[in-house]
Amino acid sequence: MTTLYLVESVFNGTIKDKESFEQKVEAVRDEIGTQGAGLIEVQVAKDLSRAFFIIEAEERNLVNESLRKLEVPVTLIKPVRLVGTELEEVKKQADTVNYLVEWNLPENLTMDAYLERKSKNSVHYDEVPEVKFSRTYVCEDMTKCLCFYDSPDESTVKKAREAVMAPIDTLTELS
């Protein structure tokens, strides 16, 4: 059975331009493909300082070893659950996202409580029509979630998060 893994990578200036980043992504796609895994999605900060890979694989070590072989720094690797859309839709890469909100979840929050809260509060996105919520990846250990948006600017993302009563620990503009 395959699992979705979130891999966060901090490049510390080793990736200088978009072309270098795209070459690295293709190398990752090829390497994990030889291992029977798949690169579902990659998002990178506008300044190329951090990247977020979503990889579908049978085991965590396969992902970790493949990235280590390619000298991709792994800051975090965790199994995640996709919320807000279907995996097949993400694989089509049909939508545009340009902001990522990271939320470090409170200790006592369960997945069921999170999903119930999200379902109840998501209707409030309608209050900020200029922002389009796309999807969330929730770490299975309930430590954090990553929410992706298409928005004209940071302030409207903040407005949308207030509308759905969800905090922001980190807000990153994506490339």
C-alpha atoms as a PDB file:
ATOM      1  CA  MET A   1       0.000   0.000   0.000  1.00  0.00           C
ATOM      2  CA  THR A   2       1.288   3.451  -0.870  1.00  0.00           C
ATOM      3  CA  THR A   3       1.379   6.447   1.417  1.00  0.00           C
ATOM      4  CA  LEU A   4       1.657  10.151   0.685  1.00  0.00           C
ATOM      5  CA  TYR A   5       4.742  11.738   2.228  1.00  0.00           C
ATOM      6  CA  LEU A   6       5.408  15.405   2.751  1.00  0.00           C
ATOM      7  CA  VAL A   7       9.068  16.248   2.373  1.00  0.00           C
ATOM      8  CA  GLU A   8      10.242  19.710   3.318  1.00  0.00           C
ATOM      9  CA  SER A   9      13.607  20.823   2.073  1.00  0.00           C
ATOM     10  CA  VAL A  10      15.584  23.948   2.992  1.00  0.00           C
ATOM     11  CA  PHE A  11      18.179  24.718   0.333  1.00  0.00           C
ATOM     12  CA  ASN A  12      20.324  27.254   2.224  1.00  0.00           C
ATOM     13  CA  GLY A  13      21.327  29.013  -0.989  1.00  0.00           C
ATOM     14  CA  THR A  14      22.372  25.852  -2.862  1.00  0.00           C
ATOM     15  CA  ILE A  15      19.661  26.372  -5.492  1.00  0.00           C
ATOM     16  CA  LYS A  16      20.369  29.669  -7.224  1.00  0.00           C
ATOM     17  CA  ASP A  17      17.747  29.855  -9.963  1.00  0.00           C
ATOM     18  CA  LYS A  18      14.504  28.348 -11.195  1.00  0.00           C
ATOM     19  CA  GLU A  19      16.248  26.328 -13.905  1.00  0.00           C
ATOM     20  CA  SER A  20      18.508  24.627 -11.320  1.00  0.00           C
ATOM     21  CA  PHE A  21      15.462  23.879  -9.200  1.00  0.00           C
ATOM     22  CA  GLU A  22      13.573  22.391 -12.138  1.00  0.00           C
ATOM     23  CA  GLN A  23      16.567  20.184 -12.972  1.00  0.00           C
ATOM     24  CA  LYS A  24      16.642  18.962  -9.373  1.00  0.00           C
ATOM     25  CA  VAL A  25      12.903  18.200  -9.488  1.00  0.00           C
ATOM     26  CA  GLU A  26      13.343  16.161 -12.689  1.00  0.00           C
ATOM     27  CA  ALA A  27      16.192  14.220 -11.066  1.00  0.00           C
ATOM     28  CA  VAL A  28      13.941  13.505  -8.056  1.00  0.00           C
ATOM     29  CA  ARG A  29      11.067  12.434 -10.332  1.00  0.00           C
ATOM     30  CA  ASP A  30      13.374  10.069 -12.247  1.00  0.00           C
ATOM     31  CA  GLU A  31      15.069   8.596  -9.161  1.00  0.00           C
ATOM     32  CA  ILE A  32      11.935   7.895  -7.168  1.00  0.00           C
ATOM     33  CA  GLY A  33      10.277   6.568 -10.314  1.00  0.00           C
ATOM     34  CA  THR A  34      12.947   3.877 -10.531  1.00  0.00           C
ATOM     35  CA  GLN A  35      11.916   2.907  -6.994  1.00  0.00           C
ATOM     36  CA  GLY A  36       8.250   2.520  -7.915  1.00  0.00           C
ATOM     37  CA  ALA A  37       7.299   5.787  -6.207  1.00  0.00           C
ATOM     38  CA  GLY A  38       5.741   8.907  -7.687  1.00  0.00           C
ATOM     39  CA  LEU A  39       6.284  12.626  -7.346  1.00  0.00           C
ATOM     40  CA  ILE A  40       2.765  13.995  -6.937  1.00  0.00           C
ATOM     41  CA  GLU A  41       3.495  17.670  -6.465  1.00  0.00           C
ATOM     42  CA  VAL A  42       6.298  20.131  -5.745  1.00  0.00           C
ATOM     43  CA  GLN A  43       5.890  23.678  -4.525  1.00  0.00           C
ATOM     44  CA  VAL A  44       8.790  26.034  -3.960  1.00  0.00           C
ATOM     45  CA  ALA A  45       9.076  29.357  -2.166  1.00  0.00           C
ATOM     46  CA  LYS A  46       9.365  32.334  -4.486  1.00  0.00           C
ATOM     47  CA  ASP A  47      12.898  32.974  -3.187  1.00  0.00           C
ATOM     48  CA  LEU A  48      13.830  29.277  -3.799  1.00  0.00           C
ATOM     49  CA  SER A  49      14.809  28.868  -0.137  1.00  0.00           C
ATOM     50  CA  ARG A  50      12.381  26.033   0.666  1.00  0.00           C
ATOM     51  CA  ALA A  51      10.560  23.343  -1.266  1.00  0.00           C
ATOM     52  CA  PHE A  52       7.677  21.053  -0.406  1.00  0.00           C
ATOM     53  CA  PHE A  53       7.508  17.683  -2.166  1.00  0.00           C
ATOM     54  CA  ILE A  54       4.518  15.349  -2.001  1.00  0.00           C
ATOM     55  CA  ILE A  55       5.660  11.842  -2.846  1.00  0.00           C
ATOM     56  CA  GLU A  56       3.588   8.677  -3.090  1.00  0.00           C
ATOM     57  CA  ALA A  57       5.625   5.660  -2.008  1.00  0.00           C
ATOM     58  CA  GLU A  58       5.400   2.361  -0.197  1.00  0.00           C
ATOM     59  CA  GLU A  59       7.852   3.334   2.530  1.00  0.00           C
ATOM     60  CA  ARG A  60       9.473   6.352   4.085  1.00  0.00           C
ATOM     61  CA  ASN A  61      13.062   5.025   3.822  1.00  0.00           C
ATOM     62  CA  LEU A  62      12.726   4.702   0.060  1.00  0.00           C
ATOM     63  CA  VAL A  63      11.867   8.402  -0.158  1.00  0.00           C
ATOM     64  CA  ASN A  64      14.596   9.446   2.279  1.00  0.00           C
ATOM     65  CA  GLU A  65      17.332   7.404   0.558  1.00  0.00           C
ATOM     66  CA  SER A  66      16.348   8.589  -2.920  1.00  0.00           C
ATOM     67  CA  LEU A  67      16.564  12.232  -1.848  1.00  0.00           C
ATOM     68  CA  ARG A  68      19.809  11.721   0.052  1.00  0.00           C
ATOM     69  CA  LYS A  69      21.337  10.132  -3.075  1.00  0.00           C
ATOM     70  CA  LEU A  70      20.446  13.301  -5.015  1.00  0.00           C
ATOM     71  CA  GLU A  71      21.744  15.581  -2.232  1.00  0.00           C
ATOM     72  CA  VAL A  72      18.306  17.065  -1.621  1.00  0.00           C
ATOM     73  CA  PRO A  73      18.320  18.206   2.016  1.00  0.00           C
ATOM     74  CA  VAL A  74      15.450  16.685   3.999  1.00  0.00           C
ATOM     75  CA  THR A  75      14.261  18.907   6.832  1.00  0.00           C
ATOM     76  CA  LEU A  76      11.051  16.970   7.448  1.00  0.00           C
ATOM     77  CA  ILE A  77       9.483  13.818   6.087  1.00  0.00           C
ATOM     78  CA  LYS A  78       6.075  12.677   7.318  1.00  0.00           C
ATOM     79  CA  PRO A  79       3.081  10.729   6.084  1.00  0.00           C
ATOM     80  CA  VAL A  80       0.210  13.063   5.184  1.00  0.00           C
ATOM     81  CA  ARG A  81      -3.461  12.937   4.314  1.00  0.00           C
ATOM     82  CA  LEU A  82      -4.830  15.021   1.438  1.00  0.00           C
ATOM     83  CA  VAL A  83      -7.933  17.037   2.362  1.00  0.00           C
ATOM     84  CA  GLY A  84     -10.061  19.292   0.165  1.00  0.00           C
ATOM     85  CA  THR A  85      -9.599  17.573  -3.179  1.00  0.00           C
ATOM     86  CA  GLU A  86      -8.963  14.183  -4.713  1.00  0.00           C
ATOM     87  CA  LEU A  87      -5.461  12.878  -5.393  1.00  0.00           C
ATOM     88  CA  GLU A  88      -6.290  12.411  -9.083  1.00  0.00           C
ATOM     89  CA  GLU A  89      -7.087  16.140  -9.331  1.00  0.00           C
ATOM     90  CA  VAL A  90      -3.732  17.082  -7.773  1.00  0.00           C
ATOM     91  CA  LYS A  91      -1.944  14.729 -10.177  1.00  0.00           C
ATOM     92  CA  LYS A  92      -3.496  16.629 -13.117  1.00  0.00           C
ATOM     93  CA  GLN A  93      -1.894  19.841 -11.794  1.00  0.00           C
ATOM     94  CA  ALA A  94      -4.849  21.744 -13.167  1.00  0.00           C
ATOM     95  CA  ASP A  95      -5.071  24.474 -10.549  1.00  0.00           C
ATOM     96  CA  THR A  96      -2.736  27.298  -9.648  1.00  0.00           C
ATOM     97  CA  VAL A  97      -1.542  27.957  -6.129  1.00  0.00           C
ATOM     98  CA  ASN A  98       0.681  30.815  -5.084  1.00  0.00           C
ATOM     99  CA  TYR A  99       0.528  30.812  -1.266  1.00  0.00           C
ATOM    100  CA  LEU A 100       1.195  28.185   1.344  1.00  0.00           C
ATOM    101  CA  VAL A 101       0.011  28.444   4.936  1.00  0.00           C
ATOM    102  CA  GLU A 102       1.640  26.225   7.533  1.00  0.00           C
ATOM    103  CA  TRP A 103      -0.232  25.643  10.760  1.00  0.00           C
ATOM    104  CA  ASN A 104       1.356  23.776  13.662  1.00  0.00           C
ATOM    105  CA  LEU A 105      -1.648  21.947  15.042  1.00  0.00           C
ATOM    106  CA  PRO A 106      -2.512  22.064  18.744  1.00  0.00           C
ATOM    107  CA  GLU A 107      -1.455  18.966  20.705  1.00  0.00           C
ATOM    108  CA  ASN A 108      -4.940  17.804  21.642  1.00  0.00           C
ATOM    109  CA  LEU A 109      -6.439  17.983  18.134  1.00  0.00           C
ATOM    110  CA  THR A 110      -7.422  14.632  16.607  1.00  0.00           C
ATOM    111  CA  MET A 111      -7.789  13.962  12.882  1.00  0.00           C
ATOM    112  CA  ASP A 112     -11.547  13.473  13.283  1.00  0.00           C
ATOM    113  CA  ALA A 113     -11.894  16.763  15.184  1.00  0.00           C
ATOM    114  CA  TYR A 114      -9.728  18.534  12.582  1.00  0.00           C
ATOM    115  CA  LEU A 115     -11.831  17.204   9.694  1.00  0.00           C
ATOM    116  CA  GLU A 116     -15.077  18.123  11.447  1.00  0.00           C
ATOM    117  CA  ARG A 117     -13.778  21.646  12.167  1.00  0.00           C
ATOM    118  CA  LYS A 118     -12.604  22.059   8.577  1.00  0.00           C
ATOM    119  CA  SER A 119     -15.933  20.894   7.190  1.00  0.00           C
ATOM    120  CA  LYS A 120     -17.851  23.272   9.446  1.00  0.00           C
ATOM    121  CA  ASN A 121     -15.641  26.325   8.844  1.00  0.00           C
ATOM    122  CA  SER A 122     -14.862  25.936   5.119  1.00  0.00           C
ATOM    123  CA  VAL A 123     -18.157  27.571   4.128  1.00  0.00           C
ATOM    124  CA  HIS A 124     -16.665  30.848   5.406  1.00  0.00           C
ATOM    125  CA  TYR A 125     -14.196  30.923   2.489  1.00  0.00           C
ATOM    126  CA  ASP A 126     -17.147  32.377   0.551  1.00  0.00           C
ATOM    127  CA  GLU A 127     -16.684  35.558   2.616  1.00  0.00           C
ATOM    128  CA  VAL A 128     -13.362  36.153   0.823  1.00  0.00           C
ATOM    129  CA  PRO A 129     -14.193  35.332  -2.827  1.00  0.00           C
ATOM    130  CA  GLU A 130     -10.895  36.661  -4.185  1.00  0.00           C
ATOM    131  CA  VAL A 131      -9.067  33.760  -2.487  1.00  0.00           C
ATOM    132  CA  LYS A 132      -9.408  30.205  -3.760  1.00  0.00           C
ATOM    133  CA  PHE A 133      -8.640  27.440  -1.275  1.00  0.00           C
ATOM    134  CA  SER A 134      -7.138  24.500  -3.133  1.00  0.00           C
ATOM    135  CA  ARG A 135      -6.047  21.707  -0.774  1.00  0.00           C
ATOM    136  CA  THR A 136      -4.522  20.769   2.555  1.00  0.00           C
ATOM    137  CA  TYR A 137      -2.022  18.122   3.537  1.00  0.00           C
ATOM    138  CA  VAL A 138      -2.423  17.099   7.178  1.00  0.00           C
ATOM    139  CA  CYS A 139       0.421  15.207   8.837  1.00  0.00           C
ATOM    140  CA  GLU A 140      -0.937  11.890  10.088  1.00  0.00           C
ATOM    141  CA  ASP A 141       0.774  12.516  13.450  1.00  0.00           C
ATOM    142  CA  MET A 142      -1.341  15.696  13.741  1.00  0.00           C
ATOM    143  CA  THR A 143       1.651  18.023  14.192  1.00  0.00           C
ATOM    144  CA  LYS A 144       1.009  20.358  11.265  1.00  0.00           C
ATOM    145  CA  CYS A 145      -0.888  20.993   8.085  1.00  0.00           C
ATOM    146  CA  LEU A 146      -0.078  22.768   4.844  1.00  0.00           C
ATOM    147  CA  CYS A 147      -2.869  24.674   3.117  1.00  0.00           C
ATOM    148  CA  PHE A 148      -2.527  25.875  -0.471  1.00  0.00           C
ATOM    149  CA  TYR A 149      -4.267  28.937  -1.897  1.00  0.00           C
ATOM    150  CA  ASP A 150      -4.532  30.996  -5.054  1.00  0.00           C
ATOM    151  CA  SER A 151      -4.721  34.613  -3.926  1.00  0.00           C
ATOM    152  CA  PRO A 152      -3.933  38.106  -5.202  1.00  0.00           C
ATOM    153  CA  ASP A 153      -1.737  38.832  -2.150  1.00  0.00           C
ATOM    154  CA  GLU A 154      -0.784  37.904   1.417  1.00  0.00           C
ATOM    155  CA  SER A 155      -3.406  40.110   3.039  1.00  0.00           C
ATOM    156  CA  THR A 156      -6.284  38.278   1.364  1.00  0.00           C
ATOM    157  CA  VAL A 157      -4.853  34.919   2.467  1.00  0.00           C
ATOM    158  CA  LYS A 158      -4.786  36.274   6.025  1.00  0.00           C
ATOM    159  CA  LYS A 159      -8.385  37.470   5.625  1.00  0.00           C
ATOM    160  CA  ALA A 160      -9.449  34.015   4.405  1.00  0.00           C
ATOM    161  CA  ARG A 161      -7.723  32.312   7.338  1.00  0.00           C
ATOM    162  CA  GLU A 162      -9.514  34.661   9.746  1.00  0.00           C
ATOM    163  CA  ALA A 163     -12.825  33.871   8.043  1.00  0.00           C
ATOM    164  CA  VAL A 164     -12.355  30.120   8.606  1.00  0.00           C
ATOM    165  CA  MET A 165     -10.983  30.734  12.111  1.00  0.00           C
ATOM    166  CA  ALA A 166      -7.639  29.063  11.415  1.00  0.00           C
ATOM    167  CA  PRO A 167      -4.265  30.458  12.456  1.00  0.00           C
ATOM    168  CA  ILE A 168      -1.141  30.966  10.355  1.00  0.00           C
ATOM    169  CA  ASP A 169       2.243  29.902  11.697  1.00  0.00           C
ATOM    170  CA  THR A 170       4.090  30.514   8.437  1.00  0.00           C
ATOM    171  CA  LEU A 171       2.911  32.139   5.211  1.00  0.00           C
ATOM    172  CA  THR A 172       5.037  31.507   2.126  1.00  0.00           C
ATOM    173  CA  GLU A 173       4.648  32.985  -1.334  1.00  0.00           C
ATOM    174  CA  LEU A 174       5.245  30.267  -3.897  1.00  0.00           C
ATOM    175  CA  SER A 175       7.017  30.494  -7.236  1.00  0.00           C
END
